[in-house]
Amino acid sequence: MRVPTKRQAAHRGAYQILAYTCKRQARYYSSVPNVVFEGPSPEKHEPLNDYSGPENGDTLNAYISAGKEELYPIHRTYYAVKNNIIFKIDPTTCGSAILQDYMSPFYATIATRFGRIYGLPLRTTNMDEFGMGSHSTNSHFGAVQNVPPYEKYSAGGSSGGSAVAVAAGPFKMALGTDTGGSVRLPAAYTGIVGFKPSYGFVSRFGVIPYANSLDTVGVLARTVAGVAESRLFHGYDAKDPTHATVEARTRMNANLANSDVCPLDIHDLGGRQHLKIGIPLEYNIAEMDSVVRQAWQETLEKLQSEGHTIVPVSLPNTKHALSAYYILAAAEAASNLSKYDGVRYGNRSSASDGAGDVLYSKTRGELFGEETKRRILLGSYTLSSSAIDNYFIKAQKIRRLVQRDFDRVFILNNPLRPSDEQFDLTDMDENVEMADKLGPSRVDFIICPTAPTLSPKLEEVVSQSPVESYMNDVFTVPASLAGLPAISVPFRLSSEDHETGAPPYVGIQVIGQYSDDWRVLAAGRVIEKLLGCTKHSQALRCCNANSQAPFYVTGPSSHHDYPPTEDFAIPVQKVQCDFDAKMRT
């Protein structure tokens, strides 16, 4: 029986597409042996001669180690890898002095998969120490600089080295990890595409952890198509207990096939698929730069002009997400990093411990960076018997509320929970109709900025307080807490609208329901094609970031609370970062 092509299958309806995909995936999974990639193919490889000079990024402090000349990729698909993903041919340092020169005895699973397809990586990239940072300035090897001519500006973090490798080097793509926005934020600051899959869709075996319940392997590329071609989702890894099994993915695909969602195929966007797109009320914060708000506005207007429906949605627990994230991530980091003591793992301090000292106190005190020590102390405090109820347990409850907020607004039900558990209706009167209980119109995707500001100068980042630097993650953290797929697509500013000297890029983020990864990629491709090289129009409305003026989006709504012929007034919100005084120090 002849197997139909992807283009032929795309025209047979959503169910046929997904059924075909399930069969192909099952066939692929059953054919992939769980063997370890032990080196490059014996084929001869041509050396890469065009990898030197500032134009290729090797003066931007983006790299930690370089591959050997005889190990260049098989298919000339050059890629780089963040230095917390284990390749046993290179040191895996996580940007930390405590792991400097550490050589692993095995490969990460994602390294094995990429090694079979593309060969070995040419570079391992610089990063914030153990992924703890938003600007790639907390590395033992120094701060990562943005692409020329913006070397004085932040490249984002913690996967800043991977982002610069793609934006300034000869690399088609780079692997990173995203815990609270560490792939999407660098993509926004360097003008490329960054994708975070659903939690559990990519194996984390061999990825040195920061926060196990949040860490996700992501990919950065110049285009959405480059992300889709990375084959990030292929294979199942039994060594990672959080990795989605073949049966689970088949069940999730069936959930998508049986839903009322609009079918999208990244390989065929020629049809007139009209999406319902949500703009979250709580994301229009006072701290947002006016040019970022303007880019968001123009993106929505362009989508609406193509026939897509724009509706406001409410995610009321978003204002607590940032505080909850930094409690949970720090608590998990304190546990994960306890093994690095110079005895079991890691380097040992040259200073000897005194008789009255803990054996490894000087080692951890000298070889961990300041931000890492700050988060270890914060995590240890929130897990203490006197604080766990007030901090860690409450943060877990907030995380569940954030997940339910997203479940309430998406058309697609969350496949991890039964449909009758998607909403908390216990406080609703029995006489209230179900349509009103569900609230405003449910949407295919949520679109918002990736970061509230343009890339700051590195000298400004150094002078920021910890809480000020945490604010960069305010738009990326909610999707991470909920484990949802999200992609950042670049919007290039015009010289008329951009006079600050910062990199002229704004990241536009698309967030989808759990397991809806391929449609998120397709939606990112829709936005990418729509924006193209189009620059800002001077005639667009632009609200001052310090004013209380509303952010207007014109478009029809099917919900009775929003008049279909009037503008939607979205009031400016104030971000709440309710840290205890101990957390601010």
Protein backbone atom coordinates (compact mmCIF):
# COMPACT_ATOMS: atom_id res chain seq x y z
CA MET A 1 0.00 0.00 0.00
CA ARG A 2 1.36 3.35 -1.01
CA VAL A 3 2.04 5.73 1.88
CA PRO A 4 0.62 9.21 1.15
CA THR A 5 2.87 12.24 1.25
CA LYS A 6 2.49 14.83 3.97
CA ARG A 7 0.92 17.27 1.51
CA GLN A 8 -1.62 14.68 0.36
CA ALA A 9 -2.45 13.73 3.91
CA ALA A 10 -2.92 17.36 4.91
CA HIS A 11 -5.98 17.66 2.68
CA ARG A 12 -7.83 14.71 4.20
CA GLY A 13 -8.92 16.43 7.38
CA ALA A 14 -7.51 16.70 10.85
CA TYR A 15 -8.27 13.11 11.86
CA GLN A 16 -6.60 11.58 8.81
CA ILE A 17 -3.54 13.76 9.32
CA LEU A 18 -3.12 12.72 12.91
CA ALA A 19 -3.89 9.05 12.27
CA TYR A 20 -1.23 9.04 9.58
CA THR A 21 1.21 10.81 11.91
CA CYS A 22 0.55 8.31 14.71
CA LYS A 23 1.27 5.37 12.43
CA ARG A 24 4.47 6.91 11.14
CA GLN A 25 5.60 7.79 14.68
CA ALA A 26 4.84 4.30 15.98
CA ARG A 27 6.76 2.80 13.05
CA TYR A 28 9.70 5.12 13.74
CA TYR A 29 9.75 4.48 17.48
CA SER A 30 9.69 0.71 17.01
CA SER A 31 12.61 0.90 14.58
CA VAL A 32 14.96 3.03 16.71
CA PRO A 33 17.24 0.87 18.85
CA ASN A 34 18.26 2.16 22.27
CA VAL A 35 21.97 2.11 21.57
CA VAL A 36 24.54 4.72 22.48
CA PHE A 37 26.17 6.77 19.76
CA GLU A 38 29.87 6.21 20.31
CA GLY A 39 31.42 8.57 17.81
CA PRO A 40 31.26 9.91 14.28
CA SER A 41 30.69 7.91 11.15
CA PRO A 42 33.85 6.44 9.62
CA GLU A 43 33.10 8.45 6.48
CA LYS A 44 35.55 11.20 5.64
CA HIS A 45 34.46 14.70 6.52
CA GLU A 46 35.50 17.87 4.80
CA PRO A 47 36.97 20.43 7.19
CA LEU A 48 35.02 23.58 7.88
CA ASN A 49 37.21 26.44 6.69
CA ASP A 50 34.93 29.43 7.19
CA TYR A 51 34.73 29.42 10.98
CA SER A 52 36.94 32.25 12.15
CA GLY A 53 36.68 35.98 12.56
CA PRO A 54 34.40 38.31 14.50
CA GLU A 55 31.62 37.95 11.96
CA ASN A 56 31.22 34.34 13.03
CA GLY A 57 30.91 35.12 16.69
CA ASP A 58 34.09 33.67 18.21
CA THR A 59 34.95 37.00 19.89
CA LEU A 60 31.58 37.23 21.63
CA ASN A 61 32.45 34.71 24.38
CA ALA A 62 29.70 32.44 23.10
CA TYR A 63 31.68 29.19 23.19
CA ILE A 64 33.32 27.07 25.86
CA SER A 65 34.93 24.31 23.77
CA ALA A 66 35.50 23.47 20.12
CA GLY A 67 35.13 20.14 18.34
CA LYS A 68 38.10 18.42 16.74
CA GLU A 69 38.66 19.01 13.03
CA GLU A 70 38.27 15.34 12.11
CA LEU A 71 34.86 15.18 13.80
CA TYR A 72 32.94 17.60 11.62
CA PRO A 73 29.28 16.77 10.96
CA ILE A 74 28.35 14.18 8.37
CA HIS A 75 25.68 16.14 6.54
CA ARG A 76 27.27 19.59 6.93
CA THR A 77 24.44 20.63 9.25
CA TYR A 78 26.42 22.68 11.71
CA TYR A 79 24.96 22.91 15.19
CA ALA A 80 26.09 23.89 18.67
CA VAL A 81 25.11 22.54 22.07
CA LYS A 82 24.59 24.27 25.40
CA ASN A 83 27.24 23.19 27.86
CA ASN A 84 24.86 21.45 30.28
CA ILE A 85 24.00 18.75 27.69
CA ILE A 86 26.53 15.96 27.97
CA PHE A 87 28.82 15.10 25.04
CA LYS A 88 31.58 12.92 26.39
CA ILE A 89 34.11 14.15 23.84
CA ASP A 90 34.07 17.67 25.35
CA PRO A 91 34.09 19.00 28.92
CA THR A 92 30.61 19.58 30.35
CA THR A 93 30.97 22.53 32.71
CA CYS A 94 27.51 24.13 33.03
CA GLY A 95 29.39 27.43 33.04
CA SER A 96 30.70 26.68 36.55
CA ALA A 97 34.16 26.49 38.07
CA ILE A 98 33.11 23.49 40.13
CA LEU A 99 32.69 21.42 36.93
CA GLN A 100 35.53 22.93 34.92
CA ASP A 101 37.21 20.23 32.76
CA TYR A 102 34.65 17.60 33.79
CA MET A 103 34.48 14.79 31.21
CA SER A 104 31.38 12.60 31.25
CA PRO A 105 31.62 8.83 30.62
CA PHE A 106 28.43 8.83 28.51
CA TYR A 107 26.33 10.84 26.05
CA ALA A 108 23.00 12.50 26.74
CA THR A 109 20.13 10.86 24.87
CA ILE A 110 19.47 14.00 22.83
CA ALA A 111 23.20 13.99 21.96
CA THR A 112 22.89 10.41 20.78
CA ARG A 113 19.94 11.25 18.54
CA PHE A 114 21.55 14.36 17.07
CA GLY A 115 24.84 12.51 16.67
CA ARG A 116 23.19 9.87 14.48
CA ILE A 117 21.49 12.48 12.32
CA TYR A 118 23.98 15.35 12.07
CA GLY A 119 27.28 14.11 13.47
CA LEU A 120 29.07 15.71 16.41
CA PRO A 121 28.61 19.38 17.37
CA LEU A 122 31.25 21.94 16.46
CA ARG A 123 30.93 23.97 19.64
CA THR A 124 29.61 23.77 23.17
CA THR A 125 28.18 27.12 24.13
CA ASN A 126 28.53 29.44 27.10
CA MET A 127 25.67 29.81 29.56
CA ASP A 128 24.66 31.14 32.97
CA GLU A 129 26.03 28.90 35.70
CA PHE A 130 23.75 25.83 35.91
CA GLY A 131 21.17 27.80 33.90
CA MET A 132 20.59 30.36 36.66
CA GLY A 133 20.24 33.72 34.97
CA SER A 134 18.45 35.72 32.30
CA HIS A 135 21.41 37.38 30.56
CA SER A 136 24.26 34.81 30.35
CA THR A 137 26.37 37.00 32.65
CA ASN A 138 26.67 34.51 35.53
CA SER A 139 29.15 32.21 33.80
CA HIS A 140 32.57 31.33 35.18
CA PHE A 141 33.86 31.92 31.63
CA GLY A 142 32.52 35.47 31.40
CA ALA A 143 29.44 37.15 29.96
CA VAL A 144 28.12 36.35 26.49
CA GLN A 145 27.92 39.36 24.17
CA ASN A 146 25.16 39.97 21.66
CA VAL A 147 25.77 39.86 17.91
CA PRO A 148 27.65 42.74 16.23
CA PRO A 149 27.18 45.66 16.29
CA TYR A 150 25.38 45.17 19.61
CA GLU A 151 28.21 43.59 21.60
CA LYS A 152 27.53 45.85 24.60
CA TYR A 153 24.03 44.41 25.01
CA SER A 154 22.72 41.27 26.67
CA ALA A 155 22.22 38.14 24.58
CA GLY A 156 19.63 36.83 27.04
CA GLY A 157 19.97 33.75 29.15
CA SER A 158 20.62 31.23 30.18
CA SER A 159 21.11 29.85 26.64
CA GLY A 160 22.76 33.05 25.40
CA GLY A 161 25.74 31.27 23.89
CA SER A 162 23.50 29.00 21.81
CA ALA A 163 21.51 32.01 20.58
CA VAL A 164 24.64 33.91 19.51
CA ALA A 165 26.02 30.77 17.85
CA VAL A 166 22.98 30.74 15.55
CA ALA A 167 22.61 34.50 15.10
CA ALA A 168 26.31 35.26 14.45
CA GLY A 169 27.92 31.95 13.55
CA PRO A 170 27.61 29.43 10.72
CA PHE A 171 25.25 27.24 12.74
CA LYS A 172 21.86 26.28 11.38
CA MET A 173 20.58 25.50 14.87
CA ALA A 174 21.66 25.09 18.47
CA LEU A 175 20.39 23.10 21.43
CA GLY A 176 19.55 24.83 24.68
CA THR A 177 17.51 24.20 27.80
CA ASP A 178 14.47 26.18 28.89
CA THR A 179 13.53 26.23 32.58
CA GLY A 180 11.72 29.56 32.82
CA GLY A 181 12.40 31.07 29.39
CA SER A 182 16.08 30.29 28.82
CA VAL A 183 15.58 29.48 25.13
CA ARG A 184 12.86 31.99 24.28
CA LEU A 185 14.43 35.04 25.94
CA PRO A 186 17.82 34.75 24.13
CA ALA A 187 15.95 34.20 20.87
CA ALA A 188 14.02 37.43 21.43
CA TYR A 189 17.17 39.43 22.22
CA THR A 190 19.19 38.13 19.25
CA GLY A 191 16.45 38.14 16.60
CA ILE A 192 16.09 34.39 15.98
CA VAL A 193 13.51 31.68 16.70
CA GLY A 194 13.47 29.79 20.01
CA PHE A 195 11.16 26.86 20.75
CA LYS A 196 10.34 25.17 24.06
CA PRO A 197 8.42 21.89 23.59
CA SER A 198 5.85 20.50 25.99
CA TYR A 199 7.42 19.21 29.18
CA GLY A 200 8.38 15.56 28.78
CA PHE A 201 8.43 15.55 24.96
CA VAL A 202 12.25 15.52 24.77
CA SER A 203 14.44 13.25 26.87
CA ARG A 204 16.39 14.93 29.65
CA PHE A 205 18.66 11.96 30.30
CA GLY A 206 22.20 13.34 30.28
CA VAL A 207 21.07 16.95 30.75
CA ILE A 208 22.55 18.30 33.99
CA PRO A 209 19.49 19.51 35.89
CA TYR A 210 18.63 22.88 37.35
CA ALA A 211 14.97 22.21 38.25
CA ASN A 212 13.71 18.76 37.25
CA SER A 213 10.01 19.62 37.03
CA LEU A 214 10.71 22.60 34.76
CA ASP A 215 13.78 21.78 32.64
CA THR A 216 13.02 21.23 28.95
CA VAL A 217 15.44 20.79 26.06
CA GLY A 218 14.71 23.39 23.38
CA VAL A 219 16.13 24.42 20.04
CA LEU A 220 17.15 27.74 18.51
CA ALA A 221 17.25 28.36 14.75
CA ARG A 222 17.03 31.22 12.28
CA THR A 223 13.56 30.20 11.10
CA VAL A 224 10.58 28.20 12.33
CA ALA A 225 11.24 25.70 9.54
CA GLY A 226 14.74 25.23 10.94
CA VAL A 227 13.23 24.34 14.32
CA ALA A 228 10.78 21.90 12.73
CA GLU A 229 13.58 20.18 10.81
CA SER A 230 15.58 19.51 13.98
CA ARG A 231 13.67 16.25 14.64
CA LEU A 232 13.62 17.19 18.30
CA PHE A 233 10.71 14.91 19.19
CA HIS A 234 11.91 11.68 17.57
CA GLY A 235 12.35 8.56 19.66
CA TYR A 236 11.42 7.42 23.15
CA ASP A 237 13.90 7.11 26.00
CA ALA A 238 13.12 4.68 28.82
CA LYS A 239 16.03 6.12 30.82
CA ASP A 240 14.07 9.33 31.42
CA PRO A 241 10.99 8.60 33.58
CA THR A 242 9.43 11.93 32.57
CA HIS A 243 9.69 11.23 28.83
CA ALA A 244 6.31 10.69 27.13
CA THR A 245 5.88 7.12 25.91
CA VAL A 246 4.68 6.11 22.45
CA GLU A 247 1.31 5.12 23.92
CA ALA A 248 0.96 8.47 25.68
CA ARG A 249 1.76 10.40 22.51
CA THR A 250 -0.70 8.32 20.51
CA ARG A 251 -3.37 9.09 23.09
CA MET A 252 -2.53 12.80 22.93
CA ASN A 253 -2.73 12.79 19.14
CA ALA A 254 -6.12 11.11 19.37
CA ASN A 255 -7.22 13.83 21.78
CA LEU A 256 -6.21 16.41 19.19
CA ALA A 257 -7.92 14.52 16.37
CA ASN A 258 -11.21 14.28 18.25
CA SER A 259 -11.27 17.95 19.21
CA ASP A 260 -12.72 20.95 17.40
CA VAL A 261 -9.40 22.69 16.87
CA CYS A 262 -8.49 24.26 13.56
CA PRO A 263 -6.10 21.89 11.69
CA LEU A 264 -2.71 23.40 10.90
CA ASP A 265 0.12 21.84 8.91
CA ILE A 266 3.48 23.59 8.99
CA HIS A 267 4.29 22.10 5.56
CA ASP A 268 1.11 23.47 3.95
CA LEU A 269 -0.12 26.88 5.08
CA GLY A 270 -1.79 27.70 1.80
CA GLY A 271 -5.31 27.19 3.14
CA ARG A 272 -7.41 29.80 4.90
CA GLN A 273 -7.33 28.37 8.39
CA HIS A 274 -8.82 31.02 10.64
CA LEU A 275 -7.55 30.83 14.18
CA LYS A 276 -8.97 32.21 17.39
CA ILE A 277 -6.15 33.96 19.20
CA GLY A 278 -6.21 35.12 22.80
CA ILE A 279 -4.47 38.19 24.19
CA PRO A 280 -4.03 37.86 27.96
CA LEU A 281 -5.31 40.86 29.89
CA GLU A 282 -2.73 40.46 32.64
CA TYR A 283 0.25 40.59 30.25
CA ASN A 284 -0.16 44.28 29.39
CA ILE A 285 2.02 45.44 32.26
CA ALA A 286 3.17 48.95 33.11
CA GLU A 287 6.82 47.86 32.91
CA MET A 288 6.53 46.99 29.19
CA ASP A 289 8.51 49.17 26.77
CA SER A 290 6.37 51.17 24.37
CA VAL A 291 8.11 49.66 21.31
CA VAL A 292 7.40 46.15 22.61
CA ARG A 293 3.74 47.04 23.08
CA GLN A 294 3.69 48.51 19.58
CA ALA A 295 5.17 45.34 18.05
CA TRP A 296 2.57 43.24 19.87
CA GLN A 297 -0.16 45.56 18.61
CA GLU A 298 0.96 45.40 14.99
CA THR A 299 1.29 41.62 15.05
CA LEU A 300 -2.29 41.28 16.27
CA GLU A 301 -3.56 43.76 13.69
CA LYS A 302 -1.86 41.85 10.89
CA LEU A 303 -3.33 38.58 12.11
CA GLN A 304 -6.77 40.14 12.27
CA SER A 305 -6.42 41.52 8.76
CA GLU A 306 -5.85 37.94 7.57
CA GLY A 307 -9.17 36.83 9.03
CA HIS A 308 -8.01 35.48 12.38
CA THR A 309 -10.17 36.31 15.39
CA ILE A 310 -8.58 38.21 18.27
CA VAL A 311 -10.26 37.93 21.68
CA PRO A 312 -9.17 38.93 25.18
CA VAL A 313 -8.65 36.21 27.76
CA SER A 314 -7.93 36.38 31.47
CA LEU A 315 -5.18 34.48 33.27
CA PRO A 316 -5.74 35.86 36.77
CA ASN A 317 -3.06 33.82 38.53
CA THR A 318 -0.32 35.03 36.19
CA LYS A 319 0.54 37.83 38.61
CA HIS A 320 1.72 35.22 41.12
CA ALA A 321 3.57 33.02 38.62
CA LEU A 322 6.96 34.74 38.85
CA SER A 323 7.13 34.50 42.64
CA ALA A 324 6.02 30.85 42.58
CA TYR A 325 8.58 30.00 39.90
CA TYR A 326 11.57 31.39 41.77
CA ILE A 327 10.54 29.53 44.92
CA LEU A 328 10.05 26.18 43.16
CA ALA A 329 13.09 26.45 40.89
CA ALA A 330 15.38 27.48 43.76
CA ALA A 331 14.10 24.63 45.95
CA GLU A 332 14.79 22.04 43.25
CA ALA A 333 18.18 23.62 42.49
CA ALA A 334 19.22 23.40 46.15
CA SER A 335 18.51 19.67 46.03
CA ASN A 336 20.12 19.05 42.63
CA LEU A 337 23.31 20.97 43.41
CA SER A 338 23.89 19.33 46.78
CA LYS A 339 25.96 16.61 45.08
CA TYR A 340 28.67 19.06 43.99
CA ASP A 341 30.94 18.98 47.02
CA GLY A 342 34.35 18.10 45.59
CA VAL A 343 34.04 14.59 47.02
CA ARG A 344 31.37 12.89 44.93
CA TYR A 345 31.27 15.34 42.02
CA GLY A 346 33.08 18.49 41.04
CA ASN A 347 36.45 20.08 41.61
CA ARG A 348 37.97 20.61 45.05
CA SER A 349 39.06 23.94 46.46
CA SER A 350 42.81 24.34 46.91
CA ALA A 351 42.22 25.81 50.37
CA SER A 352 42.08 23.18 53.09
CA ASP A 353 39.03 22.94 55.31
CA GLY A 354 39.67 23.76 58.95
CA ALA A 355 39.05 21.25 61.67
CA GLY A 356 35.83 22.98 62.68
CA ASP A 357 34.50 23.43 59.14
CA VAL A 358 32.21 21.23 57.10
CA LEU A 359 34.37 19.18 54.75
CA TYR A 360 33.12 20.85 51.58
CA SER A 361 32.26 24.36 52.83
CA LYS A 362 35.24 26.10 51.20
CA THR A 363 34.80 24.14 47.96
CA ARG A 364 31.18 25.19 47.51
CA GLY A 365 31.84 28.70 48.78
CA GLU A 366 34.69 29.36 46.36
CA LEU A 367 33.63 27.46 43.24
CA PHE A 368 29.93 28.38 43.02
CA GLY A 369 29.05 31.81 41.63
CA GLU A 370 27.15 34.45 43.58
CA GLU A 371 23.79 33.91 41.86
CA THR A 372 24.05 30.15 42.27
CA LYS A 373 24.81 30.49 45.98
CA ARG A 374 21.92 32.93 46.34
CA ARG A 375 19.45 30.47 44.85
CA ILE A 376 20.81 27.53 46.84
CA LEU A 377 20.29 29.51 50.05
CA LEU A 378 16.83 30.61 48.95
CA GLY A 379 15.86 27.06 48.03
CA SER A 380 17.21 25.64 51.27
CA TYR A 381 15.26 28.22 53.24
CA THR A 382 11.96 27.56 51.45
CA LEU A 383 12.37 23.82 52.13
CA SER A 384 13.10 24.30 55.82
CA SER A 385 10.52 23.12 58.34
CA SER A 386 9.73 26.69 59.37
CA ALA A 387 9.10 27.96 55.83
CA ILE A 388 7.96 25.04 53.66
CA ASP A 389 4.25 25.58 54.34
CA ASN A 390 4.37 29.32 53.71
CA TYR A 391 6.53 29.17 50.60
CA PHE A 392 7.07 25.85 48.84
CA ILE A 393 3.60 24.35 49.39
CA LYS A 394 1.84 27.59 48.45
CA ALA A 395 4.01 27.93 45.35
CA GLN A 396 2.95 24.43 44.28
CA LYS A 397 -0.70 25.44 44.71
CA ILE A 398 -0.14 28.56 42.61
CA ARG A 399 1.45 26.40 39.93
CA ARG A 400 -1.69 24.29 39.73
CA LEU A 401 -3.83 27.44 39.50
CA VAL A 402 -1.69 28.72 36.63
CA GLN A 403 -2.17 25.40 34.82
CA ARG A 404 -5.94 25.62 35.30
CA ASP A 405 -5.97 29.19 33.96
CA PHE A 406 -4.47 27.96 30.70
CA ASP A 407 -6.78 24.93 30.56
CA ARG A 408 -9.76 27.24 30.93
CA VAL A 409 -8.91 29.41 27.91
CA PHE A 410 -7.70 26.83 25.36
CA ILE A 411 -10.11 25.08 23.00
CA LEU A 412 -8.07 21.89 23.23
CA ASN A 413 -8.48 20.02 26.50
CA ASN A 414 -5.39 19.13 28.48
CA PRO A 415 -4.73 15.43 27.71
CA LEU A 416 -3.12 14.91 31.12
CA ARG A 417 -6.41 15.34 32.94
CA PRO A 418 -9.97 14.14 32.29
CA SER A 419 -12.13 16.75 30.57
CA ASP A 420 -14.47 16.98 33.55
CA GLU A 421 -11.53 18.07 35.72
CA GLN A 422 -10.41 20.91 33.47
CA PHE A 423 -12.35 23.52 35.43
CA ASP A 424 -12.96 24.18 39.09
CA LEU A 425 -16.73 24.74 39.27
CA THR A 426 -17.18 24.19 43.00
CA ASP A 427 -17.89 27.85 43.70
CA MET A 428 -20.42 28.21 40.87
CA ASP A 429 -24.16 28.29 41.45
CA GLU A 430 -25.96 25.24 40.06
CA ASN A 431 -28.32 27.49 38.08
CA VAL A 432 -25.48 29.05 36.08
CA GLU A 433 -25.30 27.68 32.55
CA MET A 434 -22.16 25.83 31.47
CA ALA A 435 -21.40 28.38 28.73
CA ASP A 436 -21.12 31.11 31.36
CA LYS A 437 -19.08 28.91 33.70
CA LEU A 438 -16.46 28.43 31.01
CA GLY A 439 -16.05 32.20 30.67
CA PRO A 440 -14.97 34.04 27.48
CA SER A 441 -14.36 32.41 24.12
CA ARG A 442 -11.79 29.62 24.21
CA VAL A 443 -8.84 30.07 21.90
CA ASP A 444 -6.36 28.11 19.78
CA PHE A 445 -3.29 30.01 20.96
CA ILE A 446 -2.17 32.85 23.19
CA ILE A 447 0.07 35.52 21.70
CA CYS A 448 2.11 37.94 23.79
CA PRO A 449 5.61 39.45 23.87
CA THR A 450 8.48 37.20 24.90
CA ALA A 451 10.10 39.88 27.05
CA PRO A 452 8.69 43.17 28.39
CA THR A 453 11.74 45.19 27.31
CA LEU A 454 14.39 45.33 24.63
CA SER A 455 17.79 43.84 25.36
CA PRO A 456 19.50 45.86 28.14
CA LYS A 457 23.15 46.84 28.21
CA LEU A 458 25.47 44.44 29.97
CA GLU A 459 26.64 47.18 32.31
CA GLU A 460 23.02 47.80 33.33
CA VAL A 461 22.49 44.09 33.95
CA VAL A 462 25.45 43.98 36.33
CA SER A 463 24.01 46.84 38.39
CA GLN A 464 20.50 45.36 38.58
CA SER A 465 19.19 43.83 41.78
CA PRO A 466 18.30 40.12 41.62
CA VAL A 467 14.56 40.88 41.63
CA GLU A 468 14.96 43.38 38.76
CA SER A 469 16.75 40.77 36.67
CA TYR A 470 14.04 38.20 37.46
CA MET A 471 11.44 40.50 35.87
CA ASN A 472 12.72 39.63 32.39
CA ASP A 473 11.04 36.22 32.76
CA VAL A 474 7.57 37.54 33.56
CA PHE A 475 6.06 36.50 30.18
CA THR A 476 7.93 33.20 29.78
CA VAL A 477 7.55 31.71 33.27
CA PRO A 478 3.77 30.97 33.14
CA ALA A 479 4.11 28.59 30.17
CA SER A 480 7.03 26.87 31.91
CA LEU A 481 5.06 26.38 35.13
CA ALA A 482 2.24 24.79 33.12
CA GLY A 483 4.62 22.71 30.96
CA LEU A 484 3.19 24.16 27.74
CA PRO A 485 4.84 24.47 24.30
CA ALA A 486 5.87 28.00 23.35
CA ILE A 487 7.83 29.61 20.54
CA SER A 488 9.42 33.05 20.18
CA VAL A 489 9.36 34.56 16.69
CA PRO A 490 11.38 37.74 15.94
CA PHE A 491 9.82 41.08 15.04
CA ARG A 492 12.37 43.55 13.62
CA LEU A 493 11.90 47.19 14.52
CA SER A 494 12.39 50.01 12.04
CA SER A 495 14.97 52.73 12.61
CA GLU A 496 12.17 55.27 13.03
CA ASP A 497 10.63 53.39 15.93
CA HIS A 498 13.91 52.26 17.41
CA GLU A 499 16.31 54.94 18.58
CA THR A 500 17.79 53.49 21.77
CA GLY A 501 20.74 51.70 20.18
CA ALA A 502 19.66 48.32 21.54
CA PRO A 503 19.27 45.32 19.21
CA PRO A 504 16.15 46.09 17.12
CA TYR A 505 14.33 42.85 17.93
CA VAL A 506 11.12 42.10 19.78
CA GLY A 507 10.14 38.51 20.45
CA ILE A 508 6.52 37.55 19.74
CA GLN A 509 5.58 34.49 21.78
CA VAL A 510 2.99 31.87 20.81
CA ILE A 511 1.74 29.59 23.61
CA GLY A 512 -0.38 26.48 22.99
CA GLN A 513 -2.05 23.73 25.00
CA TYR A 514 -0.01 20.80 26.29
CA SER A 515 0.94 18.35 23.48
CA ASP A 516 -0.10 20.86 20.78
CA ASP A 517 3.52 21.38 19.75
CA TRP A 518 3.19 20.96 16.00
CA ARG A 519 0.33 23.43 15.77
CA VAL A 520 2.36 25.90 17.85
CA LEU A 521 5.17 25.57 15.31
CA ALA A 522 2.68 26.07 12.48
CA ALA A 523 1.24 29.16 14.19
CA GLY A 524 4.77 30.50 14.61
CA ARG A 525 5.32 29.94 10.89
CA VAL A 526 2.09 31.84 10.14
CA ILE A 527 3.35 34.83 12.13
CA GLU A 528 6.82 34.57 10.62
CA LYS A 529 5.40 34.70 7.08
CA LEU A 530 3.02 37.48 8.02
CA LEU A 531 5.69 39.72 9.50
CA GLY A 532 8.35 38.91 6.93
CA CYS A 533 10.64 41.90 6.54
CA THR A 534 7.82 44.35 7.25
CA LYS A 535 8.86 47.05 9.65
CA HIS A 536 6.84 49.15 12.03
CA SER A 537 4.44 51.78 10.72
CA GLN A 538 4.74 55.19 12.32
CA ALA A 539 0.97 55.55 12.25
CA LEU A 540 0.35 52.78 14.79
CA ARG A 541 -1.06 53.55 18.20
CA CYS A 542 1.51 53.39 20.95
CA CYS A 543 0.78 53.70 24.65
CA ASN A 544 3.36 55.16 26.98
CA ALA A 545 4.68 52.42 29.24
CA ASN A 546 4.40 54.65 32.30
CA SER A 547 0.82 55.75 31.62
CA GLN A 548 -2.42 54.04 32.57
CA ALA A 549 -3.78 54.25 29.03
CA PRO A 550 -5.43 51.07 27.74
CA PHE A 551 -4.04 48.81 25.06
CA TYR A 552 -6.62 48.55 22.29
CA VAL A 553 -7.22 45.62 20.00
CA THR A 554 -10.01 45.88 17.46
CA GLY A 555 -11.91 42.76 16.49
CA PRO A 556 -15.11 40.76 16.89
CA SER A 557 -15.88 38.59 19.89
CA SER A 558 -18.52 35.91 20.25
CA HIS A 559 -18.83 36.34 24.00
CA HIS A 560 -21.58 38.62 25.26
CA ASP A 561 -19.29 40.38 27.75
CA TYR A 562 -17.33 42.02 24.92
CA PRO A 563 -19.27 44.12 22.37
CA PRO A 564 -18.45 42.82 18.86
CA THR A 565 -18.27 46.29 17.32
CA GLU A 566 -16.15 48.05 19.93
CA ASP A 567 -12.49 48.09 20.83
CA PHE A 568 -11.28 45.86 23.62
CA ALA A 569 -9.79 48.02 26.35
CA ILE A 570 -7.08 46.13 28.20
CA PRO A 571 -5.99 48.03 31.31
CA VAL A 572 -2.32 48.23 32.16
CA GLN A 573 -1.41 45.76 34.91
CA LYS A 574 1.30 45.97 37.55
CA VAL A 575 3.52 42.93 37.95
CA GLN A 576 3.49 41.50 41.45
CA CYS A 577 6.71 39.96 42.67
CA ASP A 578 5.86 39.34 46.31
CA PHE A 579 9.18 38.05 47.54
CA ASP A 580 9.95 37.96 51.23
CA ALA A 581 12.61 40.40 52.38
CA LYS A 582 14.99 37.48 52.73
CA MET A 583 14.60 36.74 49.03
CA ARG A 584 15.51 40.29 48.01
CA THR A 585 18.97 40.08 49.56
